[in-house]
Amino acid sequence: MRTEEGLQAPEAPVALGASALRKEEGEAVALPGPSSGPRMNLERVSNEEKLNLCRKYYLGGFALLPFLWLVNVLWFFREAFLAPAYEEQGQIKGYVWRSALGLVFWLVALTSWITVFQINRARWGALGDYLSFTIPLGIP
């Protein structure tokens, strides 16, 4: 690094962490750590982009990714139901409702399948073993 006084050694690397501080122009500045990375801030996004993102997460849930519906409900609930009214809010509200319904459907279906499988795996014999990723030891 070259300054007015001549060559200067580079600063020593600073460890990143939640409590890591570095000196910058006489004041301490908190550095971002692993727990304070970039977060979704819908206030910085235009209403049209919010609608586009909400639609993408809703459609992504149909690709057998119900977790996207959960994310959609959590991220856009405030925008859909608590924020002051704006033009795209009605469509976002519809996507949030449908995402919530799809998520509930998946939770019910998955819980039902897990319950039926756990109760009947041993009775199904070879089929139950073929459907199992790991086969428990012992007699059921």
C-alpha atoms as a PDB file:
ATOM      1  CA  MET A   1       0.000   0.000   0.000  1.00  0.00           C
ATOM      2  CA  ARG A   2       1.509   3.396  -0.979  1.00  0.00           C
ATOM      3  CA  THR A   3       0.847   6.536   1.073  1.00  0.00           C
ATOM      4  CA  GLU A   4       2.288  10.039   1.149  1.00  0.00           C
ATOM      5  CA  GLU A   5       5.000   8.928   3.574  1.00  0.00           C
ATOM      6  CA  GLY A   6       6.074   6.067   1.321  1.00  0.00           C
ATOM      7  CA  LEU A   7       5.408   2.361   1.514  1.00  0.00           C
ATOM      8  CA  GLN A   8       3.278   1.055   4.336  1.00  0.00           C
ATOM      9  CA  ALA A   9       2.836  -2.543   5.427  1.00  0.00           C
ATOM     10  CA  PRO A  10      -0.663  -3.920   4.904  1.00  0.00           C
ATOM     11  CA  GLU A  11      -2.819  -4.129   7.982  1.00  0.00           C
ATOM     12  CA  ALA A  12      -2.960  -7.437   9.796  1.00  0.00           C
ATOM     13  CA  PRO A  13      -6.046  -9.487   8.931  1.00  0.00           C
ATOM     14  CA  VAL A  14      -8.922  -9.046  11.321  1.00  0.00           C
ATOM     15  CA  ALA A  15     -10.807 -12.104  12.586  1.00  0.00           C
ATOM     16  CA  LEU A  16     -14.436 -11.983  11.551  1.00  0.00           C
ATOM     17  CA  GLY A  17     -17.023 -12.720  14.167  1.00  0.00           C
ATOM     18  CA  ALA A  18     -20.072 -11.296  15.868  1.00  0.00           C
ATOM     19  CA  SER A  19     -17.939  -9.356  18.335  1.00  0.00           C
ATOM     20  CA  ALA A  20     -15.025  -8.536  16.027  1.00  0.00           C
ATOM     21  CA  LEU A  21     -14.188  -4.848  15.866  1.00  0.00           C
ATOM     22  CA  ARG A  22     -11.802  -2.901  13.703  1.00  0.00           C
ATOM     23  CA  LYS A  23     -10.545   0.609  13.958  1.00  0.00           C
ATOM     24  CA  GLU A  24     -11.659   2.893  11.149  1.00  0.00           C
ATOM     25  CA  GLU A  25     -10.889   6.588  11.289  1.00  0.00           C
ATOM     26  CA  GLY A  26     -10.835   6.690  15.066  1.00  0.00           C
ATOM     27  CA  GLU A  27     -14.099   4.847  15.776  1.00  0.00           C
ATOM     28  CA  ALA A  28     -14.909   1.197  16.388  1.00  0.00           C
ATOM     29  CA  VAL A  29     -17.067  -0.412  13.720  1.00  0.00           C
ATOM     30  CA  ALA A  30     -18.687  -3.821  14.213  1.00  0.00           C
ATOM     31  CA  LEU A  31     -17.809  -6.246  11.452  1.00  0.00           C
ATOM     32  CA  PRO A  32     -20.430  -8.635  10.138  1.00  0.00           C
ATOM     33  CA  GLY A  33     -20.056 -12.108  11.560  1.00  0.00           C
ATOM     34  CA  PRO A  34     -21.501 -15.461  10.571  1.00  0.00           C
ATOM     35  CA  SER A  35     -24.735 -14.793  12.437  1.00  0.00           C
ATOM     36  CA  SER A  36     -25.278 -11.314  11.013  1.00  0.00           C
ATOM     37  CA  GLY A  37     -25.021 -11.985   7.282  1.00  0.00           C
ATOM     38  CA  PRO A  38     -27.281 -10.504   4.634  1.00  0.00           C
ATOM     39  CA  ARG A  39     -30.937 -10.743   5.531  1.00  0.00           C
ATOM     40  CA  MET A  40     -34.078 -10.494   3.498  1.00  0.00           C
ATOM     41  CA  ASN A  41     -35.300  -6.916   3.841  1.00  0.00           C
ATOM     42  CA  LEU A  42     -38.532  -6.426   1.954  1.00  0.00           C
ATOM     43  CA  GLU A  43     -38.511  -2.690   2.673  1.00  0.00           C
ATOM     44  CA  ARG A  44     -35.737  -2.208   0.106  1.00  0.00           C
ATOM     45  CA  VAL A  45     -37.600  -4.056  -2.649  1.00  0.00           C
ATOM     46  CA  SER A  46     -40.225  -2.519  -4.895  1.00  0.00           C
ATOM     47  CA  ASN A  47     -43.791  -3.800  -4.669  1.00  0.00           C
ATOM     48  CA  GLU A  48     -43.553  -5.330  -8.143  1.00  0.00           C
ATOM     49  CA  GLU A  49     -40.391  -7.233  -7.167  1.00  0.00           C
ATOM     50  CA  LYS A  50     -42.095  -8.441  -3.969  1.00  0.00           C
ATOM     51  CA  LEU A  51     -44.946  -9.830  -6.047  1.00  0.00           C
ATOM     52  CA  ASN A  52     -42.509 -11.482  -8.469  1.00  0.00           C
ATOM     53  CA  LEU A  53     -40.517 -13.089  -5.636  1.00  0.00           C
ATOM     54  CA  CYS A  54     -43.666 -14.254  -3.850  1.00  0.00           C
ATOM     55  CA  ARG A  55     -44.944 -15.812  -7.094  1.00  0.00           C
ATOM     56  CA  LYS A  56     -41.623 -17.619  -7.653  1.00  0.00           C
ATOM     57  CA  TYR A  57     -41.671 -19.156  -4.173  1.00  0.00           C
ATOM     58  CA  TYR A  58     -45.306 -20.166  -4.602  1.00  0.00           C
ATOM     59  CA  LEU A  59     -44.628 -21.878  -7.932  1.00  0.00           C
ATOM     60  CA  GLY A  60     -41.405 -23.440  -6.574  1.00  0.00           C
ATOM     61  CA  GLY A  61     -43.461 -25.251  -3.942  1.00  0.00           C
ATOM     62  CA  PHE A  62     -45.089 -27.277  -6.712  1.00  0.00           C
ATOM     63  CA  ALA A  63     -41.677 -28.751  -7.581  1.00  0.00           C
ATOM     64  CA  LEU A  64     -42.077 -30.979  -4.480  1.00  0.00           C
ATOM     65  CA  LEU A  65     -40.395 -28.306  -2.351  1.00  0.00           C
ATOM     66  CA  PRO A  66     -43.013 -27.453   0.310  1.00  0.00           C
ATOM     67  CA  PHE A  67     -40.283 -25.723   2.314  1.00  0.00           C
ATOM     68  CA  LEU A  68     -40.548 -22.877  -0.210  1.00  0.00           C
ATOM     69  CA  TRP A  69     -44.192 -22.454   0.765  1.00  0.00           C
ATOM     70  CA  LEU A  70     -43.138 -22.168   4.408  1.00  0.00           C
ATOM     71  CA  VAL A  71     -40.571 -19.518   3.488  1.00  0.00           C
ATOM     72  CA  ASN A  72     -43.187 -17.708   1.393  1.00  0.00           C
ATOM     73  CA  VAL A  73     -45.641 -17.603   4.285  1.00  0.00           C
ATOM     74  CA  LEU A  74     -43.022 -16.445   6.791  1.00  0.00           C
ATOM     75  CA  TRP A  75     -41.475 -13.763   4.567  1.00  0.00           C
ATOM     76  CA  PHE A  76     -44.616 -12.300   3.056  1.00  0.00           C
ATOM     77  CA  PHE A  77     -47.194 -12.606   5.859  1.00  0.00           C
ATOM     78  CA  ARG A  78     -46.575  -9.054   7.067  1.00  0.00           C
ATOM     79  CA  GLU A  79     -46.592  -7.686   3.533  1.00  0.00           C
ATOM     80  CA  ALA A  80     -49.858  -9.448   2.744  1.00  0.00           C
ATOM     81  CA  PHE A  81     -51.869  -8.803   5.893  1.00  0.00           C
ATOM     82  CA  LEU A  82     -50.229  -6.130   8.072  1.00  0.00           C
ATOM     83  CA  ALA A  83     -48.671  -3.588   5.687  1.00  0.00           C
ATOM     84  CA  PRO A  84     -50.586  -0.548   4.425  1.00  0.00           C
ATOM     85  CA  ALA A  85     -52.535  -1.278   1.247  1.00  0.00           C
ATOM     86  CA  TYR A  86     -50.848  -1.083  -2.155  1.00  0.00           C
ATOM     87  CA  GLU A  87     -51.717  -2.327  -5.642  1.00  0.00           C
ATOM     88  CA  GLU A  88     -49.895  -5.705  -5.628  1.00  0.00           C
ATOM     89  CA  GLN A  89     -50.946  -6.619  -2.076  1.00  0.00           C
ATOM     90  CA  GLY A  90     -54.076  -8.517  -3.157  1.00  0.00           C
ATOM     91  CA  GLN A  91     -52.070 -10.871  -5.363  1.00  0.00           C
ATOM     92  CA  ILE A  92     -49.416 -11.363  -2.675  1.00  0.00           C
ATOM     93  CA  LYS A  93     -52.188 -12.172  -0.193  1.00  0.00           C
ATOM     94  CA  GLY A  94     -53.516 -14.855  -2.559  1.00  0.00           C
ATOM     95  CA  TYR A  95     -50.073 -16.418  -2.987  1.00  0.00           C
ATOM     96  CA  VAL A  96     -49.518 -16.422   0.785  1.00  0.00           C
ATOM     97  CA  TRP A  97     -52.894 -18.084   1.424  1.00  0.00           C
ATOM     98  CA  ARG A  98     -52.319 -20.726  -1.236  1.00  0.00           C
ATOM     99  CA  SER A  99     -48.788 -21.339   0.031  1.00  0.00           C
ATOM    100  CA  ALA A 100     -50.161 -21.859   3.535  1.00  0.00           C
ATOM    101  CA  LEU A 101     -52.799 -24.290   2.249  1.00  0.00           C
ATOM    102  CA  GLY A 102     -50.207 -26.214   0.216  1.00  0.00           C
ATOM    103  CA  LEU A 103     -47.927 -26.386   3.252  1.00  0.00           C
ATOM    104  CA  VAL A 104     -50.734 -27.708   5.468  1.00  0.00           C
ATOM    105  CA  PHE A 105     -51.640 -30.290   2.812  1.00  0.00           C
ATOM    106  CA  TRP A 106     -48.004 -31.483   2.637  1.00  0.00           C
ATOM    107  CA  LEU A 107     -47.706 -31.633   6.431  1.00  0.00           C
ATOM    108  CA  VAL A 108     -50.896 -33.709   6.726  1.00  0.00           C
ATOM    109  CA  ALA A 109     -49.904 -36.034   3.863  1.00  0.00           C
ATOM    110  CA  LEU A 110     -46.337 -36.522   5.099  1.00  0.00           C
ATOM    111  CA  THR A 111     -47.398 -37.069   8.714  1.00  0.00           C
ATOM    112  CA  SER A 112     -50.041 -39.583   7.598  1.00  0.00           C
ATOM    113  CA  TRP A 113     -47.551 -41.508   5.458  1.00  0.00           C
ATOM    114  CA  ILE A 114     -44.923 -41.604   8.223  1.00  0.00           C
ATOM    115  CA  THR A 115     -47.498 -42.833  10.739  1.00  0.00           C
ATOM    116  CA  VAL A 116     -48.856 -45.553   8.431  1.00  0.00           C
ATOM    117  CA  PHE A 117     -45.361 -46.673   7.446  1.00  0.00           C
ATOM    118  CA  GLN A 118     -44.044 -46.826  11.014  1.00  0.00           C
ATOM    119  CA  ILE A 119     -47.050 -48.819  12.193  1.00  0.00           C
ATOM    120  CA  ASN A 120     -47.116 -51.273   9.250  1.00  0.00           C
ATOM    121  CA  ARG A 121     -43.466 -51.622   8.146  1.00  0.00           C
ATOM    122  CA  ALA A 122     -42.919 -54.940   9.892  1.00  0.00           C
ATOM    123  CA  ARG A 123     -46.251 -56.383   8.668  1.00  0.00           C
ATOM    124  CA  TRP A 124     -45.389 -55.504   5.070  1.00  0.00           C
ATOM    125  CA  GLY A 125     -42.427 -57.884   5.152  1.00  0.00           C
ATOM    126  CA  ALA A 126     -40.052 -57.532   2.203  1.00  0.00           C
ATOM    127  CA  LEU A 127     -41.897 -54.503   0.802  1.00  0.00           C
ATOM    128  CA  GLY A 128     -41.449 -52.680   4.107  1.00  0.00           C
ATOM    129  CA  ASP A 129     -37.741 -53.550   4.047  1.00  0.00           C
ATOM    130  CA  TYR A 130     -37.361 -52.367   0.448  1.00  0.00           C
ATOM    131  CA  LEU A 131     -39.011 -49.056   1.339  1.00  0.00           C
ATOM    132  CA  SER A 132     -36.744 -48.596   4.375  1.00  0.00           C
ATOM    133  CA  PHE A 133     -33.510 -46.688   4.127  1.00  0.00           C
ATOM    134  CA  THR A 134     -32.241 -48.389   7.262  1.00  0.00           C
ATOM    135  CA  ILE A 135     -33.657 -51.614   8.625  1.00  0.00           C
ATOM    136  CA  PRO A 136     -33.982 -51.681  12.413  1.00  0.00           C
ATOM    137  CA  LEU A 137     -32.459 -54.681  14.151  1.00  0.00           C
ATOM    138  CA  GLY A 138     -34.504 -57.008  16.309  1.00  0.00           C
ATOM    139  CA  ILE A 139     -37.966 -58.445  16.149  1.00  0.00           C
ATOM    140  CA  PRO A 140     -40.767 -55.884  15.802  1.00  0.00           C
END
